[in-house]
Amino acid sequence: MKKIGFLSFGHWANHPSYQARTASDTLLQSIDLAVAAEEIGLDGAYFRVHHFARQLASPFPLLSAIGAKTKQIEIGTGVIDMRYENPLYMVEDAGAADIISEGRLQLGISRGSPEQVIEGWRYFGYEPSEGETDADMGRKKAMEFLERLNGVGFAQSNPSPMFPNPPGLLRLEPHSEGLRERIWWGAASNATAIWAAENGMHLQSSTLKYDENGKPFHIQQAEQIRLYKEAWKKAGHKREPRVSVSRSIFALVNDQDRYYFGEQGRGADSFGYIESDKRAIFGKSYAAEPDKLIAELAQDEAIQEADTLLLTIPNTLGVDYNVHVLSAIMEHVAPALGWR
């Protein structure tokens, strides 16, 4: 059994073939899709966060709205770039969203990836300390976020407050008990996966990672997951770790599917540079008739190692078509692979 969710990048553009042409379209359709996904039995609705782009950028209003309109589905991100964040304000936003959803938030964070503008976090008022890189800054903010999520008081109260305070140091409110244990780290390397385990975060591994040994993508990703699990055990955490992997998977069950995605199934892993000094490997997309798709996915070692699978979706094609895409996986593929 696996948890299966969708991952949306939340694109929009004024293009005649798009169903999501404005920010309003994308936000409202994201809510509708999460509601529909819950109805067809999906376990999670996850959203990517990008700044300075016609994509989803402010996750907490969206997650709160979804939490208020659903009952069971997990809601989360994959991932929030911590270089852009105020960790304390983020604790308040995340706490509110988690309370609204009654404890269903699964928050993916990371130190960030290349963005739409050069050093975009500077426009948000942040810059690394002397001797730090922007990656260091992102990880430092992540650690502060994790610490404050614990709900321990740290701020000295005003002796003459507007409203009465409880005794002792004050914590951030609203505090959502248990949210600290539902934070995930998006890792692009083996080393950061190990770091995530040591710090008690679940692991999100996407459709790309740094190429560390030249092996096929799913093999490298599976190795990363095993290293993460070993590090988690070594760290002595009492709870079970969770691991998600993202995949572009399309079951071709009608002519429309074949028109949109028929060529994608003929692709392979690819290589490129998301940073000037680091070669990355990008996992292939899966698109085929259900029987062939089942056989191909059964060979994906990383999916076997993970407990959660996030299906990347073409959100610009609208709610109805994406429900069809997700339903096809749930009906024609998941049962045969033991995911359901």
Protein backbone atom coordinates (compact mmCIF):
# COMPACT_ATOMS: atom_id res chain seq x y z
CA MET A 1 0.00 0.00 0.00
CA LYS A 2 1.13 3.52 -0.79
CA LYS A 3 -0.21 6.96 -0.21
CA ILE A 4 -0.87 8.58 -3.57
CA GLY A 5 -1.21 12.30 -4.07
CA PHE A 6 -0.94 14.87 -6.80
CA LEU A 7 1.66 17.63 -7.13
CA SER A 8 0.69 20.80 -8.99
CA PHE A 9 3.05 23.55 -10.09
CA GLY A 10 0.05 25.82 -10.49
CA HIS A 11 0.93 27.33 -13.86
CA TRP A 12 -1.27 29.85 -15.61
CA ALA A 13 -0.95 31.80 -18.85
CA ASN A 14 -3.27 33.52 -21.29
CA HIS A 15 -3.01 30.72 -23.84
CA PRO A 16 -5.97 29.49 -25.89
CA SER A 17 -5.35 25.85 -24.98
CA TYR A 18 -5.18 26.51 -21.23
CA GLN A 19 -8.03 26.16 -18.78
CA ALA A 20 -5.97 28.11 -16.22
CA ARG A 21 -5.37 31.53 -17.75
CA THR A 22 -5.25 33.70 -14.63
CA ALA A 23 -4.13 33.46 -11.03
CA SER A 24 -7.79 33.28 -10.05
CA ASP A 25 -8.31 30.29 -12.35
CA THR A 26 -5.36 28.43 -10.88
CA LEU A 27 -6.18 29.09 -7.24
CA LEU A 28 -9.87 28.25 -7.49
CA GLN A 29 -9.24 25.20 -9.70
CA SER A 30 -6.62 23.97 -7.21
CA ILE A 31 -9.25 23.96 -4.48
CA ASP A 32 -11.75 22.18 -6.74
CA LEU A 33 -9.17 19.59 -7.77
CA ALA A 34 -8.25 18.83 -4.16
CA VAL A 35 -11.92 18.30 -3.31
CA ALA A 36 -12.37 16.02 -6.33
CA ALA A 37 -9.14 14.14 -5.56
CA GLU A 38 -10.42 13.35 -2.09
CA GLU A 39 -13.66 12.06 -3.58
CA ILE A 40 -11.85 9.60 -5.87
CA GLY A 41 -9.66 8.31 -3.04
CA LEU A 42 -6.37 10.17 -3.38
CA ASP A 43 -4.41 10.70 -0.19
CA GLY A 44 -2.71 14.03 -0.83
CA ALA A 45 -2.90 17.41 -2.57
CA TYR A 46 0.52 19.06 -2.84
CA PHE A 47 1.60 22.32 -4.44
CA ARG A 48 4.91 23.71 -5.66
CA VAL A 49 5.93 27.23 -4.61
CA HIS A 50 7.69 29.61 -7.02
CA HIS A 51 8.19 33.35 -6.63
CA PHE A 52 8.23 35.93 -9.43
CA ALA A 53 6.43 33.49 -11.71
CA ARG A 54 2.92 32.87 -12.98
CA GLN A 55 2.65 29.95 -10.63
CA LEU A 56 1.52 29.37 -7.05
CA ALA A 57 3.62 31.43 -4.66
CA SER A 58 1.72 31.94 -1.36
CA PRO A 59 0.75 28.47 -0.16
CA PHE A 60 -0.94 29.07 3.17
CA PRO A 61 -4.14 30.78 1.98
CA LEU A 62 -4.59 27.99 -0.56
CA LEU A 63 -3.85 25.21 1.93
CA SER A 64 -6.22 26.76 4.45
CA ALA A 65 -9.01 27.00 1.87
CA ILE A 66 -8.50 23.36 0.88
CA GLY A 67 -8.40 22.33 4.52
CA ALA A 68 -11.74 24.01 5.12
CA LYS A 69 -13.41 22.26 2.16
CA THR A 70 -12.03 18.74 2.66
CA LYS A 71 -12.07 16.20 5.49
CA GLN A 72 -9.39 13.56 4.97
CA ILE A 73 -6.89 14.37 2.25
CA GLU A 74 -3.39 15.43 3.28
CA ILE A 75 -2.46 18.91 2.09
CA GLY A 76 1.07 20.08 1.57
CA THR A 77 3.84 21.69 -0.39
CA GLY A 78 6.68 20.41 -2.48
CA VAL A 79 8.54 22.63 -1.69
CA ILE A 80 8.69 26.04 0.01
CA ASP A 81 12.00 27.81 -0.64
CA MET A 82 13.20 28.79 2.82
CA ARG A 83 15.54 31.49 1.47
CA TYR A 84 12.45 33.66 0.96
CA GLU A 85 10.80 33.00 4.32
CA ASN A 86 10.50 34.68 7.70
CA PRO A 87 10.58 31.53 9.87
CA LEU A 88 8.55 33.03 12.73
CA TYR A 89 5.77 34.39 10.54
CA MET A 90 5.78 31.05 8.70
CA VAL A 91 5.22 29.22 12.02
CA GLU A 92 2.08 31.30 12.57
CA ASP A 93 0.78 30.74 9.03
CA ALA A 94 1.52 27.02 9.12
CA GLY A 95 -0.05 26.64 12.55
CA ALA A 96 -3.25 28.32 11.38
CA ALA A 97 -3.45 26.21 8.21
CA ASP A 98 -2.86 23.01 10.18
CA ILE A 99 -5.55 23.86 12.74
CA ILE A 100 -8.05 24.68 9.97
CA SER A 101 -7.35 21.29 8.35
CA GLU A 102 -7.44 19.51 11.72
CA GLY A 103 -3.87 18.27 11.54
CA ARG A 104 -3.58 17.30 7.87
CA LEU A 105 -0.72 19.60 6.85
CA GLN A 106 2.36 17.90 5.37
CA LEU A 107 4.76 20.75 4.76
CA GLY A 108 7.64 20.29 2.33
CA ILE A 109 10.47 22.82 2.65
CA SER A 110 13.95 23.13 1.19
CA ARG A 111 16.88 25.47 0.82
CA GLY A 112 15.62 26.32 -2.65
CA SER A 113 16.48 25.92 -6.30
CA PRO A 114 17.27 28.35 -9.15
CA GLU A 115 14.46 30.91 -9.38
CA GLN A 116 12.97 33.27 -11.94
CA VAL A 117 15.10 36.24 -10.95
CA ILE A 118 18.68 36.58 -9.81
CA GLU A 119 18.89 36.21 -6.03
CA GLY A 120 15.18 36.84 -5.68
CA TRP A 121 15.33 36.44 -1.90
CA ARG A 122 17.17 39.77 -1.71
CA TYR A 123 14.01 41.52 -2.91
CA PHE A 124 12.23 39.95 0.07
CA GLY A 125 14.75 41.60 2.39
CA TYR A 126 17.06 38.64 3.07
CA GLU A 127 20.73 38.04 2.42
CA PRO A 128 23.26 35.55 3.74
CA SER A 129 25.47 36.50 6.64
CA GLU A 130 29.14 37.02 6.01
CA GLY A 131 30.74 33.73 5.06
CA GLU A 132 27.37 32.08 4.30
CA THR A 133 25.95 30.94 0.99
CA ASP A 134 22.28 31.34 0.13
CA ALA A 135 21.97 27.57 0.68
CA ASP A 136 23.39 27.99 4.18
CA MET A 137 20.87 30.75 4.81
CA GLY A 138 17.99 28.52 3.68
CA ARG A 139 19.05 25.67 5.94
CA LYS A 140 19.56 28.02 8.90
CA LYS A 141 16.06 29.41 8.45
CA ALA A 142 14.71 25.87 8.24
CA MET A 143 16.29 25.01 11.58
CA GLU A 144 14.80 28.10 13.21
CA PHE A 145 11.40 27.20 11.77
CA LEU A 146 11.66 23.68 13.20
CA GLU A 147 12.73 24.95 16.61
CA ARG A 148 9.84 27.42 16.88
CA LEU A 149 7.32 24.79 15.76
CA ASN A 150 8.03 22.91 18.97
CA GLY A 151 5.93 25.45 20.85
CA VAL A 152 8.47 26.27 23.55
CA GLY A 153 8.35 29.85 24.82
CA PHE A 154 11.27 32.08 23.87
CA ALA A 155 10.04 35.71 23.93
CA GLN A 156 10.00 37.89 27.05
CA SER A 157 6.49 39.12 27.77
CA ASN A 158 5.60 42.76 28.21
CA PRO A 159 5.07 43.58 31.93
CA SER A 160 2.12 45.78 30.89
CA PRO A 161 0.53 43.89 27.99
CA MET A 162 -2.69 44.81 26.22
CA PHE A 163 -4.09 41.38 27.20
CA PRO A 164 -3.07 39.09 30.09
CA ASN A 165 -0.19 36.73 29.33
CA PRO A 166 0.43 33.26 30.71
CA PRO A 167 3.48 33.03 32.99
CA GLY A 168 6.96 32.60 31.53
CA LEU A 169 8.32 33.14 28.05
CA LEU A 170 5.82 33.35 25.21
CA ARG A 171 5.62 31.11 22.14
CA LEU A 172 4.17 31.87 18.72
CA GLU A 173 0.46 31.35 18.27
CA PRO A 174 -1.51 29.56 17.07
CA HIS A 175 0.50 26.50 18.03
CA SER A 176 -0.51 23.28 16.29
CA GLU A 177 0.54 20.23 18.26
CA GLY A 178 2.26 17.60 16.12
CA LEU A 179 3.03 19.80 13.11
CA ARG A 180 6.76 19.63 13.83
CA GLU A 181 6.58 15.91 13.07
CA ARG A 182 4.98 16.55 9.66
CA ILE A 183 7.73 18.62 8.06
CA TRP A 184 9.47 17.25 4.96
CA TRP A 185 12.78 18.24 3.39
CA GLY A 186 13.22 18.34 -0.38
CA ALA A 187 16.67 16.86 -0.96
CA ALA A 188 18.58 16.97 -4.24
CA SER A 189 21.64 15.14 -2.93
CA ASN A 190 22.49 12.17 -0.77
CA ALA A 191 24.16 14.43 1.80
CA THR A 192 21.10 16.63 2.31
CA ALA A 193 18.86 13.57 2.57
CA ILE A 194 21.06 12.34 5.42
CA TRP A 195 20.95 15.82 7.01
CA ALA A 196 17.14 15.76 6.82
CA ALA A 197 17.04 12.40 8.60
CA GLU A 198 19.40 13.59 11.33
CA ASN A 199 17.09 16.55 11.96
CA GLY A 200 13.89 14.50 12.06
CA MET A 201 12.31 15.60 8.79
CA HIS A 202 10.57 13.34 6.31
CA LEU A 203 12.10 13.14 2.83
CA GLN A 204 10.75 14.49 -0.44
CA SER A 205 12.69 13.45 -3.52
CA SER A 206 11.49 14.87 -6.80
CA THR A 207 11.96 14.09 -10.48
CA LEU A 208 15.52 15.36 -10.39
CA LYS A 209 18.59 15.06 -8.19
CA TYR A 210 22.27 15.74 -8.48
CA ASP A 211 24.01 13.14 -10.59
CA GLU A 212 26.30 11.48 -8.06
CA ASN A 213 27.41 8.31 -9.83
CA GLY A 214 26.05 8.17 -13.40
CA LYS A 215 23.53 5.41 -12.69
CA PRO A 216 19.90 5.59 -13.92
CA PHE A 217 17.77 8.13 -12.09
CA HIS A 218 15.57 5.66 -10.22
CA ILE A 219 18.64 3.74 -9.01
CA GLN A 220 20.31 6.89 -7.69
CA GLN A 221 17.08 7.98 -6.04
CA ALA A 222 16.62 4.58 -4.41
CA GLU A 223 20.18 4.78 -3.07
CA GLN A 224 19.40 8.23 -1.66
CA ILE A 225 16.31 6.89 0.09
CA ARG A 226 18.20 3.97 1.62
CA LEU A 227 20.88 6.32 2.96
CA TYR A 228 18.14 8.50 4.43
CA LYS A 229 16.49 5.56 6.18
CA GLU A 230 19.82 4.39 7.59
CA ALA A 231 20.54 7.88 8.92
CA TRP A 232 17.06 8.11 10.46
CA LYS A 233 17.57 4.84 12.30
CA LYS A 234 21.03 5.87 13.43
CA ALA A 235 19.65 9.17 14.77
CA GLY A 236 17.34 7.21 17.07
CA HIS A 237 14.05 8.91 16.23
CA LYS A 238 11.10 7.12 17.83
CA ARG A 239 8.61 7.69 15.01
CA GLU A 240 8.59 6.19 11.54
CA PRO A 241 10.06 8.23 8.66
CA ARG A 242 8.11 8.91 5.50
CA VAL A 243 9.49 9.26 1.98
CA SER A 244 7.80 10.65 -1.11
CA VAL A 245 8.93 10.53 -4.71
CA SER A 246 7.42 12.52 -7.57
CA ARG A 247 6.68 11.08 -10.98
CA SER A 248 5.03 12.13 -14.22
CA ILE A 249 2.81 9.12 -14.96
CA PHE A 250 0.04 8.97 -17.54
CA ALA A 251 -2.12 5.97 -18.34
CA LEU A 252 -3.14 6.24 -21.98
CA VAL A 253 -6.73 5.06 -21.94
CA ASN A 254 -8.30 7.26 -24.66
CA ASP A 255 -7.39 9.29 -27.74
CA GLN A 256 -7.10 12.51 -25.78
CA ASP A 257 -4.47 10.95 -23.51
CA ARG A 258 -2.54 9.71 -26.53
CA TYR A 259 -2.71 13.14 -28.14
CA TYR A 260 -1.40 14.92 -25.06
CA PHE A 261 1.14 12.43 -23.73
CA GLY A 262 1.71 9.64 -26.23
CA GLU A 263 5.21 10.84 -27.09
CA GLN A 264 6.36 11.29 -23.50
CA GLY A 265 6.58 7.59 -22.84
CA ARG A 266 9.37 7.27 -25.40
CA GLY A 267 11.70 9.51 -23.43
CA ALA A 268 14.55 8.59 -21.11
CA ASP A 269 16.48 10.08 -18.21
CA SER A 270 18.24 13.31 -19.14
CA PHE A 271 21.04 15.41 -17.76
CA GLY A 272 21.48 19.11 -17.27
CA TYR A 273 22.69 21.82 -14.92
CA ILE A 274 20.38 23.53 -12.42
CA GLU A 275 23.49 25.09 -10.90
CA SER A 276 26.61 25.98 -12.84
CA ASP A 277 28.84 23.53 -10.98
CA LYS A 278 26.44 20.64 -10.38
CA ARG A 279 25.21 18.20 -12.99
CA ALA A 280 21.68 16.98 -12.37
CA ILE A 281 19.83 13.92 -13.61
CA PHE A 282 16.17 14.24 -14.53
CA GLY A 283 13.92 11.20 -14.33
CA LYS A 284 11.91 10.16 -17.36
CA SER A 285 8.16 10.49 -17.71
CA TYR A 286 5.97 7.39 -17.86
CA ALA A 287 3.18 7.33 -20.44
CA ALA A 288 1.78 4.11 -21.91
CA GLU A 289 -1.20 1.79 -22.09
CA PRO A 290 -1.96 0.48 -18.58
CA ASP A 291 -0.44 -2.99 -19.01
CA LYS A 292 2.85 -1.59 -20.30
CA LEU A 293 2.82 1.15 -17.69
CA ILE A 294 2.42 -1.39 -14.89
CA ALA A 295 5.39 -3.39 -16.17
CA GLU A 296 7.61 -0.30 -16.42
CA LEU A 297 6.68 1.09 -13.01
CA ALA A 298 7.31 -2.28 -11.35
CA GLN A 299 11.00 -1.80 -12.24
CA ASP A 300 11.28 1.64 -10.62
CA GLU A 301 13.33 0.98 -7.48
CA ALA A 302 12.75 4.39 -5.92
CA ILE A 303 8.96 4.04 -6.06
CA GLN A 304 9.36 0.69 -4.32
CA GLU A 305 11.42 2.33 -1.54
CA ALA A 306 8.98 5.20 -0.98
CA ASP A 307 5.73 5.10 0.97
CA THR A 308 4.22 8.10 -0.83
CA LEU A 309 3.94 8.78 -4.56
CA LEU A 310 3.18 12.27 -5.83
CA LEU A 311 1.82 12.40 -9.37
CA THR A 312 2.77 15.59 -11.18
CA ILE A 313 -0.24 16.93 -13.05
CA PRO A 314 -0.81 19.22 -16.05
CA ASN A 315 -2.90 21.72 -14.10
CA THR A 316 -3.37 24.01 -17.12
CA LEU A 317 -5.61 21.38 -18.72
CA GLY A 318 -8.29 21.97 -16.11
CA VAL A 319 -9.96 20.15 -13.27
CA ASP A 320 -12.01 17.64 -15.26
CA TYR A 321 -9.10 16.35 -17.31
CA ASN A 322 -6.83 16.09 -14.28
CA VAL A 323 -9.48 14.13 -12.41
CA HIS A 324 -9.50 11.79 -15.40
CA VAL A 325 -5.68 11.48 -15.30
CA LEU A 326 -5.67 10.68 -11.59
CA SER A 327 -8.65 8.34 -11.82
CA ALA A 328 -6.97 6.35 -14.59
CA ILE A 329 -3.96 5.72 -12.35
CA MET A 330 -6.14 4.77 -9.40
CA GLU A 331 -8.31 2.41 -11.45
CA HIS A 332 -5.98 0.88 -14.03
CA VAL A 333 -2.49 1.00 -12.50
CA ALA A 334 -2.40 1.29 -8.70
CA PRO A 335 -4.19 -1.99 -7.84
CA ALA A 336 -1.95 -4.11 -10.06
CA LEU A 337 1.18 -2.69 -8.40
CA GLY A 338 -0.10 -3.19 -4.87
CA TRP A 339 -0.42 0.54 -4.27
CA ARG A 340 -4.07 -0.02 -3.45
